[in-house]
Amino acid sequence: MAKALITEKVRDFELRLATQAGVFAHKGLDPGSRLLIEVMRVSPTARVLELGCGYGSIGIVAAKLAAKGEAVLVDSDIRATRLAERNLQLNGVTNARVVLGDGTHDLPPKSRFDVVVSNPPTHSGREVLDDFVASAYKVLKPRGQLFMVINRLLSLKHEIEEVFGNVETVARSKGYVVVRAIKVPRLAGEEDGL
């Protein structure tokens, strides 16, 4: 399939993005991803995970914000991961890598992150979405943050609240909601990621 090259302006960055038909939002950045990019909080030294990266727009911005940190972009679609790798190159991002895998299940054991960001694949069903939430909690460091964009009609707020013990809405626009949850360890040993 032919690849297209699009340009998107988000935050203070102009992104050049290779896309192709069959990959989510191939004609341009979708409103949910754009909203998440605008409101996610990433420190310059953060270690960031993007779950379900698609062609990588959210992870690229996260890597640029975490200039002295690192970003890991994960997707289960090989076309998406190839595009994400190409887009890291197109945007001069050297502090990020792409992993072809099933959520966090194919990351090295004991991988830990300061921030997890996701525009989850809502078409994949509730089981996948619930797994994204549980996996995010598992790989976050204590006090780490999850930023997830969801369609108002398919709210994951209850699931996030159940897993994290907290959730707040940080932005809403055009039928999308960005929520944030903080990992607050509840059990002995969780501080060490056990």
Protein backbone atom coordinates (compact mmCIF):
# COMPACT_ATOMS: atom_id res chain seq x y z
CA MET A 1 0.00 0.00 0.00
CA ALA A 2 1.17 3.51 -0.79
CA LYS A 3 2.38 5.64 2.07
CA ALA A 4 1.39 9.26 2.50
CA LEU A 5 3.29 12.03 4.25
CA ILE A 6 1.29 14.45 6.40
CA THR A 7 2.34 17.42 8.51
CA GLU A 8 0.74 18.16 11.87
CA LYS A 9 1.33 21.10 14.24
CA VAL A 10 0.88 20.10 17.91
CA ARG A 11 2.07 21.93 20.97
CA ASP A 12 5.21 23.68 19.71
CA PHE A 13 6.17 20.92 17.32
CA GLU A 14 5.63 20.46 13.61
CA LEU A 15 5.54 16.73 12.94
CA ARG A 16 6.15 15.01 9.63
CA LEU A 17 4.30 11.70 9.67
CA ALA A 18 4.29 8.80 7.25
CA THR A 19 0.90 7.06 7.21
CA GLN A 20 -0.92 4.55 5.05
CA ALA A 21 -4.46 3.35 4.51
CA GLY A 22 -5.47 0.68 7.01
CA VAL A 23 -3.67 2.34 9.92
CA PHE A 24 -5.73 4.39 12.42
CA ALA A 25 -6.12 8.09 11.49
CA HIS A 26 -4.12 7.70 8.28
CA LYS A 27 -5.50 10.94 6.81
CA GLY A 28 -4.44 13.10 9.76
CA LEU A 29 -4.20 13.30 13.50
CA ASP A 30 -7.53 12.38 15.10
CA PRO A 31 -9.16 14.76 17.64
CA GLY A 32 -8.63 12.33 20.56
CA SER A 33 -4.88 11.97 19.96
CA ARG A 34 -4.53 15.72 19.44
CA LEU A 35 -6.31 16.41 22.76
CA LEU A 36 -4.11 13.89 24.60
CA ILE A 37 -0.93 15.40 23.12
CA GLU A 38 -2.00 18.89 24.18
CA VAL A 39 -2.66 17.99 27.84
CA MET A 40 -0.28 15.13 28.74
CA ARG A 41 2.38 16.10 31.27
CA VAL A 42 5.84 14.73 30.56
CA SER A 43 8.93 15.95 32.40
CA PRO A 44 12.27 16.36 30.60
CA THR A 45 13.72 13.27 32.32
CA ALA A 46 10.64 11.02 32.14
CA ARG A 47 10.57 7.46 30.91
CA VAL A 48 7.36 7.24 28.87
CA LEU A 49 5.40 4.32 27.42
CA GLU A 50 2.85 4.78 24.65
CA LEU A 51 0.46 1.83 24.53
CA GLY A 52 -1.11 1.29 21.11
CA CYS A 53 1.17 3.76 19.33
CA GLY A 54 -0.20 3.50 15.79
CA TYR A 55 2.15 5.54 13.58
CA GLY A 56 3.63 7.18 16.66
CA SER A 57 2.42 10.78 16.89
CA ILE A 58 1.78 10.74 20.66
CA GLY A 59 5.02 8.92 21.43
CA ILE A 60 7.05 11.28 19.24
CA VAL A 61 5.77 14.31 21.15
CA ALA A 62 6.34 12.49 24.46
CA ALA A 63 9.94 11.77 23.43
CA LYS A 64 10.47 15.42 22.45
CA LEU A 65 9.09 16.56 25.83
CA ALA A 66 11.27 13.99 27.62
CA ALA A 67 14.44 15.32 25.95
CA LYS A 68 16.68 13.79 28.64
CA GLY A 69 14.44 10.77 29.14
CA GLU A 70 13.17 8.02 26.88
CA ALA A 71 9.99 6.89 25.16
CA VAL A 72 8.93 3.36 24.25
CA LEU A 73 6.16 2.99 21.66
CA VAL A 74 4.27 -0.32 21.51
CA ASP A 75 1.72 -1.61 19.02
CA SER A 76 0.56 -5.06 17.91
CA ASP A 77 0.19 -4.04 14.25
CA ILE A 78 3.41 -4.52 12.27
CA ARG A 79 2.41 -1.85 9.71
CA ALA A 80 1.91 0.66 12.52
CA THR A 81 5.26 -0.14 14.15
CA ARG A 82 7.10 0.20 10.84
CA LEU A 83 5.47 3.60 10.31
CA ALA A 84 6.29 4.63 13.89
CA GLU A 85 9.96 3.71 13.34
CA ARG A 86 10.00 5.74 10.13
CA ASN A 87 8.33 8.68 11.89
CA LEU A 88 10.93 8.70 14.66
CA GLN A 89 13.54 9.13 11.93
CA LEU A 90 11.54 11.76 10.03
CA ASN A 91 11.26 13.84 13.21
CA GLY A 92 14.86 13.40 14.39
CA VAL A 93 13.84 11.52 17.55
CA THR A 94 16.74 9.48 18.95
CA ASN A 95 15.52 8.87 22.51
CA ALA A 96 12.68 6.51 21.56
CA ARG A 97 12.24 2.98 20.31
CA VAL A 98 9.35 1.00 18.89
CA VAL A 99 8.30 -2.45 20.08
CA LEU A 100 6.04 -4.81 18.13
CA GLY A 101 4.07 -6.49 20.87
CA ASP A 102 0.87 -7.17 22.73
CA GLY A 103 0.58 -4.20 25.09
CA THR A 104 3.10 -4.51 27.91
CA HIS A 105 3.29 -8.30 27.65
CA ASP A 106 6.25 -8.22 25.25
CA LEU A 107 8.31 -5.64 27.13
CA PRO A 108 11.36 -6.77 29.12
CA PRO A 109 10.43 -7.95 32.64
CA LYS A 110 10.57 -5.23 35.28
CA SER A 111 10.15 -2.43 32.71
CA ARG A 112 9.01 0.66 34.65
CA PHE A 113 7.80 4.04 33.45
CA ASP A 114 7.05 7.49 34.88
CA VAL A 115 4.22 8.12 32.41
CA VAL A 116 1.98 5.88 30.31
CA VAL A 117 -0.01 7.53 27.50
CA SER A 118 -2.63 5.88 25.33
CA ASN A 119 -5.36 6.43 22.80
CA PRO A 120 -6.52 2.83 23.15
CA PRO A 121 -7.97 0.78 20.29
CA THR A 122 -11.63 1.05 21.26
CA HIS A 123 -12.62 -1.24 18.36
CA SER A 124 -10.69 -4.12 19.98
CA GLY A 125 -13.28 -4.70 22.69
CA ARG A 126 -13.60 -4.25 26.41
CA GLU A 127 -11.19 -7.04 27.37
CA VAL A 128 -8.32 -5.33 25.50
CA LEU A 129 -9.18 -1.94 27.00
CA ASP A 130 -9.32 -3.37 30.54
CA ASP A 131 -5.94 -5.03 29.88
CA PHE A 132 -4.47 -1.66 28.80
CA VAL A 133 -5.54 -0.14 32.14
CA ALA A 134 -4.24 -3.05 34.26
CA SER A 135 -0.99 -3.22 32.29
CA ALA A 136 -0.42 0.52 32.65
CA TYR A 137 -0.75 0.23 36.43
CA LYS A 138 1.66 -2.70 36.49
CA VAL A 139 4.47 -0.94 34.57
CA LEU A 140 4.17 2.48 36.20
CA LYS A 141 6.63 3.47 38.90
CA PRO A 142 5.12 4.59 42.22
CA ARG A 143 3.54 8.04 41.69
CA GLY A 144 3.66 7.42 37.93
CA GLN A 145 0.83 8.82 35.83
CA LEU A 146 -1.50 7.38 33.23
CA PHE A 147 -2.94 9.74 30.60
CA MET A 148 -5.61 8.09 28.48
CA VAL A 149 -8.04 9.54 25.96
CA ILE A 150 -11.43 7.90 25.72
CA ASN A 151 -14.60 8.44 23.78
CA ARG A 152 -17.28 9.73 26.16
CA LEU A 153 -19.59 6.94 25.08
CA LEU A 154 -17.06 4.24 25.96
CA SER A 155 -15.94 5.45 29.34
CA LEU A 156 -13.15 3.58 31.10
CA LYS A 157 -13.28 5.88 34.10
CA HIS A 158 -14.83 3.23 36.35
CA GLU A 159 -12.20 0.63 35.39
CA ILE A 160 -9.36 3.13 35.88
CA GLU A 161 -10.80 4.15 39.27
CA GLU A 162 -11.00 0.48 40.29
CA VAL A 163 -7.41 -0.30 39.28
CA PHE A 164 -5.71 2.95 40.33
CA GLY A 165 -7.97 4.04 43.19
CA ASN A 166 -8.21 7.50 41.58
CA VAL A 167 -9.03 9.14 38.26
CA GLU A 168 -9.62 12.71 37.16
CA THR A 169 -10.79 14.31 33.94
CA VAL A 170 -8.13 16.72 32.67
CA ALA A 171 -9.68 17.75 29.34
CA ARG A 172 -12.74 17.31 27.12
CA SER A 173 -13.35 18.20 23.51
CA LYS A 174 -15.45 16.97 20.57
CA GLY A 175 -16.73 13.85 22.34
CA TYR A 176 -13.33 12.89 23.79
CA VAL A 177 -12.18 12.94 27.39
CA VAL A 178 -8.59 12.74 28.66
CA VAL A 179 -8.30 11.19 32.10
CA ARG A 180 -5.33 11.02 34.42
CA ALA A 181 -4.65 8.51 37.18
CA ILE A 182 -1.69 8.29 39.55
CA LYS A 183 -0.23 5.01 40.75
CA VAL A 184 -0.47 5.05 44.52
CA PRO A 185 0.98 1.79 45.85
CA ARG A 186 -1.47 0.05 48.15
CA LEU A 187 0.42 -3.10 49.11
CA ALA A 188 3.75 -3.76 50.80
CA GLY A 189 6.33 -4.45 48.12
CA GLU A 190 4.54 -2.44 45.42
CA GLU A 191 6.95 0.47 46.01
CA ASP A 192 9.70 -1.71 44.57
CA GLY A 193 7.60 -2.80 41.62
CA LEU A 194 7.20 -6.32 42.97
